[in-house]
Amino acid sequence: MTTRWQVYLLHCNDDSLYTGITTDLDRRLAEHNGELQGGARYTSGRRPVKLLYSESCESRSSATKRELAIKQMPRKAKLVMAKQTTEQSL
């Protein structure tokens, strides 16, 4: 079985954005929201967090590269990317 990596973008309670990677998005969101142990130190003081965007990647390497690319994007571009993806799925 091949592990699918996902890159995700969260909207935090303080209106900041957080980008990360995972192989289990549901578990990771629960960790970020304090429902399970773990999660990033950054999000622990900014709960609750909401998922804005996610995309699948073939490998950890490609997910890490995409995560870095998203982190380097201006905030407005991240929000536009999330909005366009949400509109396309409707």
C-alpha atoms as a PDB file:
ATOM      1  CA  MET A   1       0.000   0.000   0.000  1.00  0.00           C
ATOM      2  CA  THR A   2       1.305   3.424  -0.968  1.00  0.00           C
ATOM      3  CA  THR A   3       1.049   6.171   1.626  1.00  0.00           C
ATOM      4  CA  ARG A   4      -0.697   9.270   0.307  1.00  0.00           C
ATOM      5  CA  TRP A   5       0.682  12.503   1.667  1.00  0.00           C
ATOM      6  CA  GLN A   6      -1.480  15.586   1.913  1.00  0.00           C
ATOM      7  CA  VAL A   7      -0.616  19.242   2.159  1.00  0.00           C
ATOM      8  CA  TYR A   8      -3.167  21.290   4.073  1.00  0.00           C
ATOM      9  CA  LEU A   9      -3.936  24.893   4.945  1.00  0.00           C
ATOM     10  CA  LEU A  10      -5.662  25.797   8.207  1.00  0.00           C
ATOM     11  CA  HIS A  11      -7.417  28.975   9.294  1.00  0.00           C
ATOM     12  CA  CYS A  12      -6.655  29.626  12.965  1.00  0.00           C
ATOM     13  CA  ASN A  13      -8.884  31.376  15.507  1.00  0.00           C
ATOM     14  CA  ASP A  14      -6.588  34.443  15.508  1.00  0.00           C
ATOM     15  CA  ASP A  15      -7.089  34.779  11.702  1.00  0.00           C
ATOM     16  CA  SER A  16      -3.609  33.435  10.925  1.00  0.00           C
ATOM     17  CA  LEU A  17      -2.927  30.614   8.449  1.00  0.00           C
ATOM     18  CA  TYR A  18      -0.979  27.412   9.059  1.00  0.00           C
ATOM     19  CA  THR A  19       0.350  25.009   6.419  1.00  0.00           C
ATOM     20  CA  GLY A  20       1.442  21.426   7.073  1.00  0.00           C
ATOM     21  CA  ILE A  21       1.679  17.900   5.683  1.00  0.00           C
ATOM     22  CA  THR A  22       0.256  14.587   6.902  1.00  0.00           C
ATOM     23  CA  THR A  23      -0.769  11.092   5.875  1.00  0.00           C
ATOM     24  CA  ASP A  24      -3.981  11.228   7.946  1.00  0.00           C
ATOM     25  CA  LEU A  25      -5.808  14.540   7.653  1.00  0.00           C
ATOM     26  CA  ASP A  26      -8.648  13.716  10.060  1.00  0.00           C
ATOM     27  CA  ARG A  27      -6.221  12.670  12.790  1.00  0.00           C
ATOM     28  CA  ARG A  28      -4.017  15.706  12.215  1.00  0.00           C
ATOM     29  CA  LEU A  29      -6.977  18.112  12.441  1.00  0.00           C
ATOM     30  CA  ALA A  30      -8.033  16.468  15.703  1.00  0.00           C
ATOM     31  CA  GLU A  31      -4.478  16.943  17.003  1.00  0.00           C
ATOM     32  CA  HIS A  32      -4.391  20.601  15.967  1.00  0.00           C
ATOM     33  CA  ASN A  33      -7.726  21.186  17.723  1.00  0.00           C
ATOM     34  CA  GLY A  34      -6.592  19.470  20.923  1.00  0.00           C
ATOM     35  CA  GLU A  35      -8.929  16.475  20.589  1.00  0.00           C
ATOM     36  CA  LEU A  36      -5.930  14.143  20.362  1.00  0.00           C
ATOM     37  CA  GLN A  37      -2.447  14.520  21.780  1.00  0.00           C
ATOM     38  CA  GLY A  38       0.010  16.072  19.346  1.00  0.00           C
ATOM     39  CA  GLY A  39      -0.425  18.919  16.933  1.00  0.00           C
ATOM     40  CA  ALA A  40       1.796  21.879  16.307  1.00  0.00           C
ATOM     41  CA  ARG A  41       2.845  24.258  19.053  1.00  0.00           C
ATOM     42  CA  TYR A  42       1.768  27.089  16.741  1.00  0.00           C
ATOM     43  CA  THR A  43      -1.854  25.985  16.598  1.00  0.00           C
ATOM     44  CA  SER A  44      -2.169  25.049  20.279  1.00  0.00           C
ATOM     45  CA  GLY A  45      -2.823  28.672  21.252  1.00  0.00           C
ATOM     46  CA  ARG A  46      -4.890  29.459  18.176  1.00  0.00           C
ATOM     47  CA  ARG A  47      -7.757  26.980  18.470  1.00  0.00           C
ATOM     48  CA  PRO A  48     -10.113  26.135  17.033  1.00  0.00           C
ATOM     49  CA  VAL A  49      -8.643  25.707  13.573  1.00  0.00           C
ATOM     50  CA  LYS A  50     -10.607  25.034  10.372  1.00  0.00           C
ATOM     51  CA  LEU A  51      -9.434  23.270   7.257  1.00  0.00           C
ATOM     52  CA  LEU A  52      -9.370  25.665   4.288  1.00  0.00           C
ATOM     53  CA  TYR A  53      -7.545  23.595   1.680  1.00  0.00           C
ATOM     54  CA  SER A  54      -5.840  20.264   1.078  1.00  0.00           C
ATOM     55  CA  GLU A  55      -4.220  18.498  -1.841  1.00  0.00           C
ATOM     56  CA  SER A  56      -2.736  15.036  -2.324  1.00  0.00           C
ATOM     57  CA  CYS A  57       0.899  14.405  -3.177  1.00  0.00           C
ATOM     58  CA  GLU A  58       2.648  11.243  -4.340  1.00  0.00           C
ATOM     59  CA  SER A  59       5.472  11.274  -1.780  1.00  0.00           C
ATOM     60  CA  ARG A  60       6.677  12.954   1.384  1.00  0.00           C
ATOM     61  CA  SER A  61       9.270  14.751  -0.693  1.00  0.00           C
ATOM     62  CA  SER A  62       6.709  16.235  -3.081  1.00  0.00           C
ATOM     63  CA  ALA A  63       4.424  17.162  -0.156  1.00  0.00           C
ATOM     64  CA  THR A  64       7.290  18.940   1.615  1.00  0.00           C
ATOM     65  CA  LYS A  65       8.173  20.858  -1.541  1.00  0.00           C
ATOM     66  CA  ARG A  66       4.544  21.876  -2.055  1.00  0.00           C
ATOM     67  CA  GLU A  67       4.249  22.874   1.620  1.00  0.00           C
ATOM     68  CA  LEU A  68       7.258  25.180   1.221  1.00  0.00           C
ATOM     69  CA  ALA A  69       5.810  26.673  -1.966  1.00  0.00           C
ATOM     70  CA  ILE A  70       2.504  27.413  -0.215  1.00  0.00           C
ATOM     71  CA  LYS A  71       4.271  28.879   2.822  1.00  0.00           C
ATOM     72  CA  GLN A  72       6.113  31.282   0.520  1.00  0.00           C
ATOM     73  CA  MET A  73       2.885  32.495  -1.110  1.00  0.00           C
ATOM     74  CA  PRO A  74       1.377  35.785   0.048  1.00  0.00           C
ATOM     75  CA  ARG A  75      -1.630  35.399   2.363  1.00  0.00           C
ATOM     76  CA  LYS A  76      -4.031  36.718  -0.278  1.00  0.00           C
ATOM     77  CA  ALA A  77      -2.851  34.115  -2.802  1.00  0.00           C
ATOM     78  CA  LYS A  78      -3.376  31.324  -0.244  1.00  0.00           C
ATOM     79  CA  LEU A  79      -6.931  32.490   0.404  1.00  0.00           C
ATOM     80  CA  VAL A  80      -7.676  32.726  -3.331  1.00  0.00           C
ATOM     81  CA  MET A  81      -6.303  29.201  -3.849  1.00  0.00           C
ATOM     82  CA  ALA A  82      -8.507  27.864  -1.041  1.00  0.00           C
ATOM     83  CA  LYS A  83     -11.591  29.696  -2.312  1.00  0.00           C
ATOM     84  CA  GLN A  84     -11.134  28.526  -5.909  1.00  0.00           C
ATOM     85  CA  THR A  85     -10.742  24.913  -4.767  1.00  0.00           C
ATOM     86  CA  THR A  86     -13.876  25.154  -2.616  1.00  0.00           C
ATOM     87  CA  GLU A  87     -15.902  26.656  -5.488  1.00  0.00           C
ATOM     88  CA  GLN A  88     -14.712  23.964  -7.899  1.00  0.00           C
ATOM     89  CA  SER A  89     -15.874  21.194  -5.568  1.00  0.00           C
ATOM     90  CA  LEU A  90     -19.420  22.576  -5.308  1.00  0.00           C
END
